[in-house]
């Protein structure tokens, strides 16, 4: 796939964004598994998913082979799944499968493959993918407004602000936690030039490795 990304007004420093995302993710997972679902740590963790979703879009536009890109993520998802189950004691697919769904949704929107979309709604919902509802909103927000900061900000903030309103209505604390995803927008809007260099496979391997580390610590503590 030829690069056709004309997203020049947002932060293209994706290695830096991925670094922020994996640190946020690690804090989130540590807060859940080691610190009794610590809400502050979980709130910090909400930054990760929007950053990964944004980077997936940039990856989609710049990959030369979408199938290989999907296969790499799928391989990491399969490798991570047993560790994921043991760590969180849940049997739903890990986040890598949501990222694949995001790639396919970007592809669908970009190539007007509208018939893909019902499957990208129903399958993640039935299989209980992480963020199975949220990704259906923020992928189109990033895709359609990637060259318009005003509309991107309005739509993104409105979407996550709805969770804060829901918190005041339902008193569901996790709605308040989810609304903290708004802060990821600062990293996406503000251009950075860190020149942070890292092998691309580091970010792939970090996911199963950090799950394994947390699992070992969890069992040592227990």
C-alpha atoms as a PDB file:
ATOM      1  CA  UNK A   1       0.000   0.000   0.000  1.00  0.00           C
ATOM      2  CA  UNK A   2       1.425   3.329  -1.033  1.00  0.00           C
ATOM      3  CA  UNK A   3       1.594   6.052   1.555  1.00  0.00           C
ATOM      4  CA  UNK A   4      -1.304   8.401   1.024  1.00  0.00           C
ATOM      5  CA  UNK A   5      -1.301   9.982   4.437  1.00  0.00           C
ATOM      6  CA  UNK A   6      -1.836  13.702   4.142  1.00  0.00           C
ATOM      7  CA  UNK A   7      -2.228  14.098   7.892  1.00  0.00           C
ATOM      8  CA  UNK A   8       0.368  16.812   8.423  1.00  0.00           C
ATOM      9  CA  UNK A   9      -1.237  18.994  11.094  1.00  0.00           C
ATOM     10  CA  UNK A  10      -1.147  16.393  13.874  1.00  0.00           C
ATOM     11  CA  UNK A  11       1.727  14.801  15.766  1.00  0.00           C
ATOM     12  CA  UNK A  12       3.556  12.372  13.484  1.00  0.00           C
ATOM     13  CA  UNK A  13       6.128  11.480  16.151  1.00  0.00           C
ATOM     14  CA  UNK A  14       4.599   8.018  16.438  1.00  0.00           C
ATOM     15  CA  UNK A  15       7.501   6.393  18.292  1.00  0.00           C
ATOM     16  CA  UNK A  16       7.083   8.975  21.023  1.00  0.00           C
ATOM     17  CA  UNK A  17       3.302   8.490  21.041  1.00  0.00           C
ATOM     18  CA  UNK A  18       3.709   4.709  21.261  1.00  0.00           C
ATOM     19  CA  UNK A  19       6.147   5.124  24.147  1.00  0.00           C
ATOM     20  CA  UNK A  20       3.627   7.250  26.048  1.00  0.00           C
ATOM     21  CA  UNK A  21       0.942   4.692  25.207  1.00  0.00           C
ATOM     22  CA  UNK A  22       2.853   1.651  26.469  1.00  0.00           C
ATOM     23  CA  UNK A  23       3.878   3.423  29.680  1.00  0.00           C
ATOM     24  CA  UNK A  24       0.250   4.398  30.226  1.00  0.00           C
ATOM     25  CA  UNK A  25      -0.873   0.848  29.452  1.00  0.00           C
ATOM     26  CA  UNK A  26       1.644  -0.642  31.884  1.00  0.00           C
ATOM     27  CA  UNK A  27       0.455   1.701  34.658  1.00  0.00           C
ATOM     28  CA  UNK A  28      -3.145   0.778  33.877  1.00  0.00           C
ATOM     29  CA  UNK A  29      -2.534  -2.959  33.973  1.00  0.00           C
ATOM     30  CA  UNK A  30      -0.391  -2.712  37.093  1.00  0.00           C
ATOM     31  CA  UNK A  31      -3.108  -0.673  38.781  1.00  0.00           C
ATOM     32  CA  UNK A  32      -5.688  -3.310  37.943  1.00  0.00           C
ATOM     33  CA  UNK A  33      -3.714  -6.428  38.803  1.00  0.00           C
ATOM     34  CA  UNK A  34      -1.329  -5.365  41.573  1.00  0.00           C
ATOM     35  CA  UNK A  35      -2.985  -2.384  43.272  1.00  0.00           C
ATOM     36  CA  UNK A  36      -6.604  -3.481  43.713  1.00  0.00           C
ATOM     37  CA  UNK A  37      -7.938  -1.657  40.654  1.00  0.00           C
ATOM     38  CA  UNK A  38      -6.383   1.658  41.667  1.00  0.00           C
ATOM     39  CA  UNK A  39      -8.517   4.337  40.027  1.00  0.00           C
ATOM     40  CA  UNK A  40      -5.733   6.881  39.588  1.00  0.00           C
ATOM     41  CA  UNK A  41      -3.578   4.360  37.764  1.00  0.00           C
ATOM     42  CA  UNK A  42      -6.544   3.197  35.706  1.00  0.00           C
ATOM     43  CA  UNK A  43      -7.313   6.807  34.779  1.00  0.00           C
ATOM     44  CA  UNK A  44      -3.741   7.323  33.576  1.00  0.00           C
ATOM     45  CA  UNK A  45      -4.176   4.144  31.567  1.00  0.00           C
ATOM     46  CA  UNK A  46      -7.050   5.633  29.577  1.00  0.00           C
ATOM     47  CA  UNK A  47      -4.514   7.647  27.600  1.00  0.00           C
ATOM     48  CA  UNK A  48      -3.170   4.511  25.936  1.00  0.00           C
ATOM     49  CA  UNK A  49      -6.033   3.344  23.713  1.00  0.00           C
ATOM     50  CA  UNK A  50      -6.629   6.611  21.801  1.00  0.00           C
ATOM     51  CA  UNK A  51      -2.888   6.928  21.190  1.00  0.00           C
ATOM     52  CA  UNK A  52      -2.696   3.365  19.877  1.00  0.00           C
ATOM     53  CA  UNK A  53      -5.748   4.008  17.702  1.00  0.00           C
ATOM     54  CA  UNK A  54      -4.170   7.150  16.256  1.00  0.00           C
ATOM     55  CA  UNK A  55      -0.866   5.357  15.611  1.00  0.00           C
ATOM     56  CA  UNK A  56      -2.733   2.504  13.944  1.00  0.00           C
ATOM     57  CA  UNK A  57      -4.150   5.050  11.514  1.00  0.00           C
ATOM     58  CA  UNK A  58      -0.691   6.385  10.698  1.00  0.00           C
ATOM     59  CA  UNK A  59       0.528   2.809  10.357  1.00  0.00           C
ATOM     60  CA  UNK A  60      -2.336   2.040   7.980  1.00  0.00           C
ATOM     61  CA  UNK A  61      -1.480   4.967   5.732  1.00  0.00           C
ATOM     62  CA  UNK A  62       2.211   4.135   5.658  1.00  0.00           C
ATOM     63  CA  UNK A  63       2.310   0.361   5.512  1.00  0.00           C
ATOM     64  CA  UNK A  64       3.406  -1.199   2.248  1.00  0.00           C
ATOM     65  CA  UNK A  65       1.555  -4.431   2.972  1.00  0.00           C
ATOM     66  CA  UNK A  66      -1.644  -4.299   5.006  1.00  0.00           C
ATOM     67  CA  UNK A  67      -1.930  -8.091   5.182  1.00  0.00           C
ATOM     68  CA  UNK A  68       1.527  -8.427   6.732  1.00  0.00           C
ATOM     69  CA  UNK A  69       0.713  -5.618   9.159  1.00  0.00           C
ATOM     70  CA  UNK A  70      -2.416  -7.470  10.274  1.00  0.00           C
ATOM     71  CA  UNK A  71      -0.554 -10.779  10.513  1.00  0.00           C
ATOM     72  CA  UNK A  72       2.076  -9.262  12.826  1.00  0.00           C
ATOM     73  CA  UNK A  73      -0.572  -7.906  15.162  1.00  0.00           C
ATOM     74  CA  UNK A  74      -2.511 -11.187  15.005  1.00  0.00           C
ATOM     75  CA  UNK A  75       0.603 -13.173  15.917  1.00  0.00           C
ATOM     76  CA  UNK A  76       1.207 -10.985  18.969  1.00  0.00           C
ATOM     77  CA  UNK A  77      -2.453 -11.318  19.921  1.00  0.00           C
ATOM     78  CA  UNK A  78      -2.319 -15.112  19.747  1.00  0.00           C
ATOM     79  CA  UNK A  79       0.956 -15.295  21.703  1.00  0.00           C
ATOM     80  CA  UNK A  80      -0.382 -12.910  24.348  1.00  0.00           C
ATOM     81  CA  UNK A  81      -3.793 -14.506  24.821  1.00  0.00           C
ATOM     82  CA  UNK A  82      -2.851 -17.284  27.305  1.00  0.00           C
ATOM     83  CA  UNK A  83      -0.888 -14.806  29.443  1.00  0.00           C
ATOM     84  CA  UNK A  84      -3.745 -12.322  29.192  1.00  0.00           C
ATOM     85  CA  UNK A  85      -6.225 -14.929  30.447  1.00  0.00           C
ATOM     86  CA  UNK A  86      -4.022 -15.935  33.371  1.00  0.00           C
ATOM     87  CA  UNK A  87      -3.259 -12.353  34.376  1.00  0.00           C
ATOM     88  CA  UNK A  88      -6.758 -10.884  34.212  1.00  0.00           C
ATOM     89  CA  UNK A  89      -8.740 -14.093  34.724  1.00  0.00           C
ATOM     90  CA  UNK A  90     -10.980 -13.284  31.774  1.00  0.00           C
ATOM     91  CA  UNK A  91     -11.532 -15.144  28.533  1.00  0.00           C
ATOM     92  CA  UNK A  92     -12.229 -12.325  26.102  1.00  0.00           C
ATOM     93  CA  UNK A  93      -9.809 -11.421  23.278  1.00  0.00           C
ATOM     94  CA  UNK A  94      -6.937  -9.102  24.170  1.00  0.00           C
ATOM     95  CA  UNK A  95      -6.454  -5.605  22.768  1.00  0.00           C
ATOM     96  CA  UNK A  96      -4.481  -6.804  19.734  1.00  0.00           C
ATOM     97  CA  UNK A  97      -7.686  -8.116  18.206  1.00  0.00           C
ATOM     98  CA  UNK A  98      -9.298  -4.708  18.656  1.00  0.00           C
ATOM     99  CA  UNK A  99      -6.333  -3.123  16.863  1.00  0.00           C
ATOM    100  CA  UNK A 100      -6.893  -5.498  13.940  1.00  0.00           C
ATOM    101  CA  UNK A 101     -10.545  -4.464  13.851  1.00  0.00           C
ATOM    102  CA  UNK A 102      -9.383  -0.840  13.805  1.00  0.00           C
ATOM    103  CA  UNK A 103      -7.090  -1.472  10.857  1.00  0.00           C
ATOM    104  CA  UNK A 104      -9.944  -3.079   8.958  1.00  0.00           C
ATOM    105  CA  UNK A 105     -12.239  -0.183   9.809  1.00  0.00           C
ATOM    106  CA  UNK A 106      -9.677   2.351   8.561  1.00  0.00           C
ATOM    107  CA  UNK A 107      -9.388   0.281   5.398  1.00  0.00           C
ATOM    108  CA  UNK A 108     -13.173   0.150   5.039  1.00  0.00           C
ATOM    109  CA  UNK A 109     -13.572   3.901   5.424  1.00  0.00           C
ATOM    110  CA  UNK A 110     -10.641   4.682   3.162  1.00  0.00           C
ATOM    111  CA  UNK A 111     -11.771   2.369   0.377  1.00  0.00           C
ATOM    112  CA  UNK A 112     -15.531   2.739   0.896  1.00  0.00           C
ATOM    113  CA  UNK A 113     -15.911  -0.956   1.654  1.00  0.00           C
ATOM    114  CA  UNK A 114     -19.134  -0.313   3.539  1.00  0.00           C
ATOM    115  CA  UNK A 115     -20.154  -3.965   3.634  1.00  0.00           C
ATOM    116  CA  UNK A 116     -17.212  -4.684   6.005  1.00  0.00           C
ATOM    117  CA  UNK A 117     -18.622  -2.395   8.670  1.00  0.00           C
ATOM    118  CA  UNK A 118     -21.522  -4.558   9.960  1.00  0.00           C
ATOM    119  CA  UNK A 119     -19.013  -7.329  10.641  1.00  0.00           C
ATOM    120  CA  UNK A 120     -16.710  -4.859  12.412  1.00  0.00           C
ATOM    121  CA  UNK A 121     -19.628  -3.900  14.628  1.00  0.00           C
ATOM    122  CA  UNK A 122     -21.172  -7.290  15.366  1.00  0.00           C
ATOM    123  CA  UNK A 123     -18.115  -9.541  15.732  1.00  0.00           C
ATOM    124  CA  UNK A 124     -16.185  -7.372  18.240  1.00  0.00           C
ATOM    125  CA  UNK A 125     -19.390  -6.811  20.222  1.00  0.00           C
ATOM    126  CA  UNK A 126     -20.305 -10.504  20.378  1.00  0.00           C
ATOM    127  CA  UNK A 127     -16.768 -11.604  21.215  1.00  0.00           C
ATOM    128  CA  UNK A 128     -16.449  -8.766  23.752  1.00  0.00           C
ATOM    129  CA  UNK A 129     -13.331  -7.150  22.327  1.00  0.00           C
ATOM    130  CA  UNK A 130     -11.812  -4.448  24.523  1.00  0.00           C
ATOM    131  CA  UNK A 131     -13.222  -1.033  23.534  1.00  0.00           C
ATOM    132  CA  UNK A 132     -15.584  -2.747  21.077  1.00  0.00           C
ATOM    133  CA  UNK A 133     -17.940   0.239  21.152  1.00  0.00           C
ATOM    134  CA  UNK A 134     -15.427   3.049  21.641  1.00  0.00           C
ATOM    135  CA  UNK A 135     -13.278   2.165  18.634  1.00  0.00           C
ATOM    136  CA  UNK A 136     -16.303   2.487  16.340  1.00  0.00           C
ATOM    137  CA  UNK A 137     -16.460   6.175  17.236  1.00  0.00           C
ATOM    138  CA  UNK A 138     -12.848   7.279  17.540  1.00  0.00           C
ATOM    139  CA  UNK A 139     -11.607   5.554  14.372  1.00  0.00           C
ATOM    140  CA  UNK A 140     -13.986   7.634  12.190  1.00  0.00           C
ATOM    141  CA  UNK A 141     -13.153  10.743  14.232  1.00  0.00           C
ATOM    142  CA  UNK A 142      -9.425  10.317  13.585  1.00  0.00           C
ATOM    143  CA  UNK A 143      -9.925   9.311   9.949  1.00  0.00           C
ATOM    144  CA  UNK A 144     -12.355  11.975   8.810  1.00  0.00           C
ATOM    145  CA  UNK A 145     -10.981  14.882  10.851  1.00  0.00           C
ATOM    146  CA  UNK A 146      -7.256  14.141  10.622  1.00  0.00           C
ATOM    147  CA  UNK A 147      -6.778  17.373   8.666  1.00  0.00           C
ATOM    148  CA  UNK A 148      -9.074  19.560  10.710  1.00  0.00           C
ATOM    149  CA  UNK A 149      -7.981  20.214  14.278  1.00  0.00           C
ATOM    150  CA  UNK A 150     -11.151  22.079  15.214  1.00  0.00           C
ATOM    151  CA  UNK A 151     -13.543  19.325  14.169  1.00  0.00           C
ATOM    152  CA  UNK A 152     -11.234  16.676  15.598  1.00  0.00           C
ATOM    153  CA  UNK A 153     -11.161  18.405  18.974  1.00  0.00           C
ATOM    154  CA  UNK A 154     -14.899  19.058  19.067  1.00  0.00           C
ATOM    155  CA  UNK A 155     -15.897  15.511  18.111  1.00  0.00           C
ATOM    156  CA  UNK A 156     -13.264  13.790  20.265  1.00  0.00           C
ATOM    157  CA  UNK A 157     -13.954  15.875  23.386  1.00  0.00           C
ATOM    158  CA  UNK A 158     -17.720  15.602  22.909  1.00  0.00           C
ATOM    159  CA  UNK A 159     -17.493  11.829  22.661  1.00  0.00           C
ATOM    160  CA  UNK A 160     -15.451  11.367  25.828  1.00  0.00           C
ATOM    161  CA  UNK A 161     -17.251  14.138  27.695  1.00  0.00           C
ATOM    162  CA  UNK A 162     -20.405  12.053  27.285  1.00  0.00           C
ATOM    163  CA  UNK A 163     -18.820   9.498  29.618  1.00  0.00           C
ATOM    164  CA  UNK A 164     -18.353  12.183  32.248  1.00  0.00           C
ATOM    165  CA  UNK A 165     -22.006  13.168  31.924  1.00  0.00           C
ATOM    166  CA  UNK A 166     -22.945   9.511  32.192  1.00  0.00           C
ATOM    167  CA  UNK A 167     -20.973   9.311  35.434  1.00  0.00           C
ATOM    168  CA  UNK A 168     -23.049  12.107  36.970  1.00  0.00           C
ATOM    169  CA  UNK A 169     -26.233  10.314  35.921  1.00  0.00           C
ATOM    170  CA  UNK A 170     -25.371   6.687  36.706  1.00  0.00           C
ATOM    171  CA  UNK A 171     -22.623   7.182  39.313  1.00  0.00           C
ATOM    172  CA  UNK A 172     -20.645   4.506  37.476  1.00  0.00           C
ATOM    173  CA  UNK A 173     -17.074   5.403  38.429  1.00  0.00           C
ATOM    174  CA  UNK A 174     -15.603   3.738  35.374  1.00  0.00           C
ATOM    175  CA  UNK A 175     -17.419   6.248  33.149  1.00  0.00           C
ATOM    176  CA  UNK A 176     -15.438   8.952  34.936  1.00  0.00           C
ATOM    177  CA  UNK A 177     -12.241   6.953  34.453  1.00  0.00           C
ATOM    178  CA  UNK A 178     -12.978   6.501  30.742  1.00  0.00           C
ATOM    179  CA  UNK A 179     -13.475  10.241  30.302  1.00  0.00           C
ATOM    180  CA  UNK A 180      -9.781  10.701  31.176  1.00  0.00           C
ATOM    181  CA  UNK A 181      -9.054   9.537  27.627  1.00  0.00           C
ATOM    182  CA  UNK A 182      -9.607  13.183  26.709  1.00  0.00           C
ATOM    183  CA  UNK A 183      -6.041  13.912  27.850  1.00  0.00           C
ATOM    184  CA  UNK A 184      -4.604  11.772  25.059  1.00  0.00           C
ATOM    185  CA  UNK A 185      -5.689  14.525  22.684  1.00  0.00           C
ATOM    186  CA  UNK A 186      -2.879  16.803  23.906  1.00  0.00           C
ATOM    187  CA  UNK A 187      -0.254  14.325  22.718  1.00  0.00           C
ATOM    188  CA  UNK A 188      -1.976  13.999  19.337  1.00  0.00           C
ATOM    189  CA  UNK A 189      -2.372  17.731  18.743  1.00  0.00           C
ATOM    190  CA  UNK A 190       1.001  19.008  19.957  1.00  0.00           C
ATOM    191  CA  UNK A 191       3.774  18.222  17.515  1.00  0.00           C
ATOM    192  CA  UNK A 192       6.901  16.765  19.062  1.00  0.00           C
ATOM    193  CA  UNK A 193      10.269  16.105  17.464  1.00  0.00           C
ATOM    194  CA  UNK A 194      11.951  13.750  19.905  1.00  0.00           C
ATOM    195  CA  UNK A 195      13.791  11.774  17.216  1.00  0.00           C
ATOM    196  CA  UNK A 196      13.098   8.799  19.450  1.00  0.00           C
ATOM    197  CA  UNK A 197      14.410   5.742  17.603  1.00  0.00           C
ATOM    198  CA  UNK A 198      13.440   2.189  18.462  1.00  0.00           C
ATOM    199  CA  UNK A 199      13.049  -1.010  16.516  1.00  0.00           C
ATOM    200  CA  UNK A 200       9.412  -1.372  15.472  1.00  0.00           C
ATOM    201  CA  UNK A 201       9.275  -4.889  16.893  1.00  0.00           C
ATOM    202  CA  UNK A 202       9.928  -3.507  20.386  1.00  0.00           C
ATOM    203  CA  UNK A 203       6.372  -2.186  20.538  1.00  0.00           C
ATOM    204  CA  UNK A 204       4.979  -5.508  19.347  1.00  0.00           C
ATOM    205  CA  UNK A 205       6.969  -7.556  21.852  1.00  0.00           C
ATOM    206  CA  UNK A 206       6.334  -5.195  24.736  1.00  0.00           C
ATOM    207  CA  UNK A 207       2.708  -6.258  24.970  1.00  0.00           C
ATOM    208  CA  UNK A 208       3.187  -9.967  25.805  1.00  0.00           C
ATOM    209  CA  UNK A 209       6.350  -9.243  27.807  1.00  0.00           C
ATOM    210  CA  UNK A 210       4.725  -6.694  30.107  1.00  0.00           C
ATOM    211  CA  UNK A 211       1.794  -9.065  30.666  1.00  0.00           C
ATOM    212  CA  UNK A 212       4.226 -11.834  31.559  1.00  0.00           C
ATOM    213  CA  UNK A 213       6.150  -9.586  33.964  1.00  0.00           C
ATOM    214  CA  UNK A 214       2.953  -8.529  35.717  1.00  0.00           C
ATOM    215  CA  UNK A 215       1.790 -12.151  35.889  1.00  0.00           C
ATOM    216  CA  UNK A 216       5.055 -13.234  37.546  1.00  0.00           C
ATOM    217  CA  UNK A 217       4.884 -10.348  40.035  1.00  0.00           C
ATOM    218  CA  UNK A 218       1.247 -11.123  40.759  1.00  0.00           C
ATOM    219  CA  UNK A 219       1.956 -14.736  41.601  1.00  0.00           C
ATOM    220  CA  UNK A 220       5.004 -13.817  43.696  1.00  0.00           C
ATOM    221  CA  UNK A 221       2.892 -11.398  45.728  1.00  0.00           C
ATOM    222  CA  UNK A 222       0.081 -13.912  46.089  1.00  0.00           C
END
